[in-house]
C-alpha atoms as a PDB file:
ATOM      1  CA  MET A   1     -10.878   3.151  -9.418  1.00  0.00           C
ATOM      2  CA  VAL A   2      -7.383   4.669 -10.167  1.00  0.00           C
ATOM      3  CA  LEU A   3      -5.372   6.402  -7.605  1.00  0.00           C
ATOM      4  CA  PRO A   4      -2.095   7.623  -9.223  1.00  0.00           C
ATOM      5  CA  SER A   5      -0.962   9.465  -6.083  1.00  0.00           C
ATOM      6  CA  VAL A   6       2.563  10.670  -5.691  1.00  0.00           C
ATOM      7  CA  TYR A   7       2.177  10.455  -1.888  1.00  0.00           C
ATOM      8  CA  ASP A   8      -0.676   9.056   0.046  1.00  0.00           C
ATOM      9  CA  ALA A   9       0.276   7.874   3.491  1.00  0.00           C
ATOM     10  CA  PHE A  10      -2.871   5.388   3.470  1.00  0.00           C
ATOM     11  CA  GLY A  11      -5.511   6.114   1.027  1.00  0.00           C
ATOM     12  CA  VAL A  12      -8.664   5.336   2.829  1.00  0.00           C
ATOM     13  CA  VAL A  13     -10.382   5.814  -0.515  1.00  0.00           C
ATOM     14  CA  VAL A  14      -8.757   2.330  -1.503  1.00  0.00           C
ATOM     15  CA  ASN A  15     -10.552   0.577   1.417  1.00  0.00           C
ATOM     16  CA  GLU A  16     -13.831   2.404   0.474  1.00  0.00           C
ATOM     17  CA  ALA A  17     -13.605   1.262  -3.192  1.00  0.00           C
ATOM     18  CA  MET A  18     -12.755  -2.194  -2.409  1.00  0.00           C
ATOM     19  CA  LEU A  19     -15.396  -2.548   0.244  1.00  0.00           C
ATOM     20  CA  CYS A  20     -17.846  -1.454  -2.517  1.00  0.00           C
ATOM     21  CA  GLY A  21     -16.489  -4.320  -4.655  1.00  0.00           C
ATOM     22  CA  CYS A  22     -14.274  -1.984  -6.927  1.00  0.00           C
ATOM     23  CA  PRO A  23     -10.765  -3.243  -7.980  1.00  0.00           C
ATOM     24  CA  VAL A  24      -8.251  -0.473  -7.428  1.00  0.00           C
ATOM     25  CA  VAL A  25      -5.223   0.496  -9.505  1.00  0.00           C
ATOM     26  CA  ALA A  26      -2.815   2.451  -7.248  1.00  0.00           C
ATOM     27  CA  SER A  27       0.692   3.741  -7.600  1.00  0.00           C
ATOM     28  CA  ASP A  28       3.412   2.282  -5.225  1.00  0.00           C
ATOM     29  CA  HIS A  29       3.576   5.517  -3.366  1.00  0.00           C
ATOM     30  CA  VAL A  30      -0.163   4.760  -1.770  1.00  0.00           C
ATOM     31  CA  GLY A  31       0.336   3.208   1.488  1.00  0.00           C
ATOM     32  CA  ALA A  32      -2.908   1.064   1.286  1.00  0.00           C
ATOM     33  CA  ALA A  33      -1.566  -0.483  -1.843  1.00  0.00           C
ATOM     34  CA  ARG A  34       0.972  -2.431   0.071  1.00  0.00           C
ATOM     35  CA  ASP A  35      -1.517  -3.590   2.803  1.00  0.00           C
ATOM     36  CA  LEU A  36      -4.751  -4.114   0.782  1.00  0.00           C
ATOM     37  CA  ILE A  37      -3.993  -4.529  -3.011  1.00  0.00           C
ATOM     38  CA  LYS A  38      -2.846  -8.152  -4.098  1.00  0.00           C
ATOM     39  CA  HIS A  39      -1.555  -7.219  -7.652  1.00  0.00           C
ATOM     40  CA  GLY A  40      -3.512  -9.006 -10.266  1.00  0.00           C
ATOM     41  CA  GLU A  41      -6.216 -10.353  -7.755  1.00  0.00           C
ATOM     42  CA  THR A  42      -7.743  -7.399  -5.967  1.00  0.00           C
ATOM     43  CA  GLY A  43      -6.361  -4.691  -8.061  1.00  0.00           C
ATOM     44  CA  PHE A  44      -3.096  -3.498  -9.445  1.00  0.00           C
ATOM     45  CA  VAL A  45       0.088  -1.629  -8.154  1.00  0.00           C
ATOM     46  CA  TYR A  46       2.052   0.176 -10.524  1.00  0.00           C
ATOM     47  CA  PRO A  47       5.489   2.144 -10.149  1.00  0.00           C
ATOM     48  CA  CYS A  48       4.512   5.846  -9.464  1.00  0.00           C
ATOM     49  CA  GLY A  49       4.947   8.073 -12.534  1.00  0.00           C
ATOM     50  CA  ASP A  50       5.165   5.104 -14.844  1.00  0.00           C
ATOM     51  CA  ILE A  51       2.366   6.135 -17.233  1.00  0.00           C
ATOM     52  CA  ASP A  52       3.128   3.473 -19.725  1.00  0.00           C
ATOM     53  CA  ALA A  53       2.819   0.804 -16.962  1.00  0.00           C
ATOM     54  CA  LEU A  54      -0.596   2.383 -15.794  1.00  0.00           C
ATOM     55  CA  ALA A  55      -1.789   2.517 -19.394  1.00  0.00           C
ATOM     56  CA  GLU A  56      -0.900  -1.160 -19.981  1.00  0.00           C
ATOM     57  CA  ILE A  57      -2.695  -2.228 -16.769  1.00  0.00           C
ATOM     58  CA  LEU A  58      -5.940  -0.329 -17.704  1.00  0.00           C
ATOM     59  CA  ARG A  59      -5.628  -1.817 -21.328  1.00  0.00           C
ATOM     60  CA  GLN A  60      -5.421  -5.319 -19.705  1.00  0.00           C
ATOM     61  CA  ALA A  61      -8.106  -4.649 -17.068  1.00  0.00           C
ATOM     62  CA  LEU A  62     -10.607  -3.291 -19.672  1.00  0.00           C
ATOM     63  CA  ALA A  63      -9.970  -6.243 -22.134  1.00  0.00           C
ATOM     64  CA  ASP A  64     -11.132  -8.951 -19.837  1.00  0.00           C
ATOM     65  CA  ARG A  65     -14.381  -7.922 -18.079  1.00  0.00           C
ATOM     66  CA  ALA A  66     -14.745 -11.491 -16.656  1.00  0.00           C
ATOM     67  CA  ARG A  67     -11.419 -10.992 -14.780  1.00  0.00           C
ATOM     68  CA  LEU A  68     -12.552  -7.591 -13.744  1.00  0.00           C
ATOM     69  CA  SER A  69     -15.646  -9.065 -12.254  1.00  0.00           C
ATOM     70  CA  ARG A  70     -13.645 -11.789 -10.305  1.00  0.00           C
ATOM     71  CA  MET A  71     -11.379  -8.933  -9.090  1.00  0.00           C
ATOM     72  CA  ALA A  72     -14.365  -7.015  -7.885  1.00  0.00           C
ATOM     73  CA  THR A  73     -15.456  -9.784  -5.746  1.00  0.00           C
ATOM     74  CA  ASP A  74     -12.089 -10.643  -4.430  1.00  0.00           C
ATOM     75  CA  ALA A  75     -11.450  -6.895  -3.610  1.00  0.00           C
ATOM     76  CA  ARG A  76     -14.748  -6.952  -1.385  1.00  0.00           C
ATOM     77  CA  ALA A  77     -13.655 -10.336   0.291  1.00  0.00           C
ATOM     78  CA  ARG A  78     -10.304  -8.816   1.033  1.00  0.00           C
ATOM     79  CA  MET A  79     -11.800  -5.867   2.880  1.00  0.00           C
ATOM     80  CA  GLU A  80     -14.151  -8.355   4.728  1.00  0.00           C
ATOM     81  CA  SER A  81     -11.140 -10.066   6.004  1.00  0.00           C
ATOM     82  CA  TRP A  82      -9.368  -6.857   7.096  1.00  0.00           C
ATOM     83  CA  SER A  83      -9.253  -6.545  10.715  1.00  0.00           C
ATOM     84  CA  PRO A  84      -8.292  -3.988  13.376  1.00  0.00           C
ATOM     85  CA  ARG A  85      -5.344  -6.378  14.324  1.00  0.00           C
ATOM     86  CA  GLU A  86      -4.095  -6.309  10.786  1.00  0.00           C
ATOM     87  CA  ASN A  87      -4.633  -2.682  10.559  1.00  0.00           C
ATOM     88  CA  ILE A  88      -2.461  -2.039  13.832  1.00  0.00           C
ATOM     89  CA  ASP A  89       0.155  -4.369  12.544  1.00  0.00           C
ATOM     90  CA  ALA A  90       0.600  -2.689   9.169  1.00  0.00           C
ATOM     91  CA  THR A  91       0.693   0.764  11.049  1.00  0.00           C
ATOM     92  CA  LEU A  92       3.467  -0.549  13.244  1.00  0.00           C
ATOM     93  CA  ASP A  93       5.146  -1.822  10.305  1.00  0.00           C
ATOM     94  CA  ALA A  94       4.856   1.524   8.474  1.00  0.00           C
ATOM     95  CA  ILE A  95       6.275   3.416  11.543  1.00  0.00           C
ATOM     96  CA  ALA A  96       9.325   0.894  11.658  1.00  0.00           C
ATOM     97  CA  ARG A  97       9.883   1.608   7.845  1.00  0.00           C
ATOM     98  CA  GLY A  98       9.692   5.204   8.600  1.00  0.00           C
ATOM     99  CA  ILE A  99      12.098   5.265  11.427  1.00  0.00           C
ATOM    100  CA  ALA A 100      14.477   3.081   9.427  1.00  0.00           C
ATOM    101  CA  ARG A 101      14.394   5.735   6.556  1.00  0.00           C
ATOM    102  CA  ILE A 102      15.257   8.571   9.077  1.00  0.00           C
ATOM    103  CA  GLY A 103      18.126   6.479  10.177  1.00  0.00           C
ATOM    104  CA  ARG A 104      19.541   6.214   6.747  1.00  0.00           C
ATOM    105  CA  ARG A 105      19.625  10.048   6.373  1.00  0.00           C
ATOM    106  CA  PRO A 106      22.944  11.852   6.993  1.00  0.00           C
ATOM    107  CA  ALA A 107      23.168  13.416  10.515  1.00  0.00           C
ATOM    108  CA  ASP A 108      21.633  16.715  10.823  1.00  0.00           C
ATOM    109  CA  SER A 109      24.650  19.264  11.040  1.00  0.00           C
ATOM    110  CA  ARG A 110      22.710  21.601  13.300  1.00  0.00           C
ATOM    111  CA  SER A 111      22.252  18.833  16.131  1.00  0.00           C
ATOM    112  CA  GLY A 112      25.955  18.025  15.994  1.00  0.00           C
ATOM    113  CA  SER A 113      25.046  14.403  16.260  1.00  0.00           C
ATOM    114  CA  SER A 114      26.427  11.762  13.883  1.00  0.00           C
ATOM    115  CA  SER A 115      24.735   8.588  15.289  1.00  0.00           C
ATOM    116  CA  GLU A 116      22.009   6.980  13.304  1.00  0.00           C
ATOM    117  CA  ALA A 117      18.669   5.806  14.625  1.00  0.00           C
ATOM    118  CA  THR A 118      18.178   2.019  14.559  1.00  0.00           C
ATOM    119  CA  ALA A 119      14.791   0.927  13.566  1.00  0.00           C
ATOM    120  CA  PRO A 120      13.246  -2.073  15.232  1.00  0.00           C
ATOM    121  CA  SER A 121      12.341  -5.026  13.213  1.00  0.00           C
ATOM    122  CA  PRO A 122       8.783  -4.745  12.059  1.00  0.00           C
ATOM    123  CA  ALA A 123       8.309  -8.329  13.099  1.00  0.00           C
ATOM    124  CA  SER A 124       8.826  -7.402  16.702  1.00  0.00           C
ATOM    125  CA  HIS A 125       5.808  -5.138  16.554  1.00  0.00           C
ATOM    126  CA  LYS A 126       3.299  -7.871  15.915  1.00  0.00           C
ATOM    127  CA  LEU A 127       0.609  -8.039  18.376  1.00  0.00           C
ATOM    128  CA  SER A 128       0.515 -11.350  20.316  1.00  0.00           C
ATOM    129  CA  GLU A 129      -2.352 -13.753  19.936  1.00  0.00           C
END
């Protein structure tokens, strides 16, 4: 499956495809790509908008059907190991990254505030065992 999205906060379709044993090619703007796809093992991640990179990935994938078959097995195995705990940790990490991005924006001139938000460390959000 190819998901060339310019923006997709998570992309549940990635989970669904991998659960069905389908390797996924996704742009790096698909949130699930960071969490689920292990480049070259369960699928591929390429820079959003880089058509040449996408074309090369597809050429390589289609040229080696045995590798594609192994990737399909590995994609399904990856989804079988995906847990609610891992999902929550990944969600908290994404929220922390979003807060950090907001903190890097220039202050809103309408608010009159010049302070920047400080994002908590993503590691501090890990659930305790």
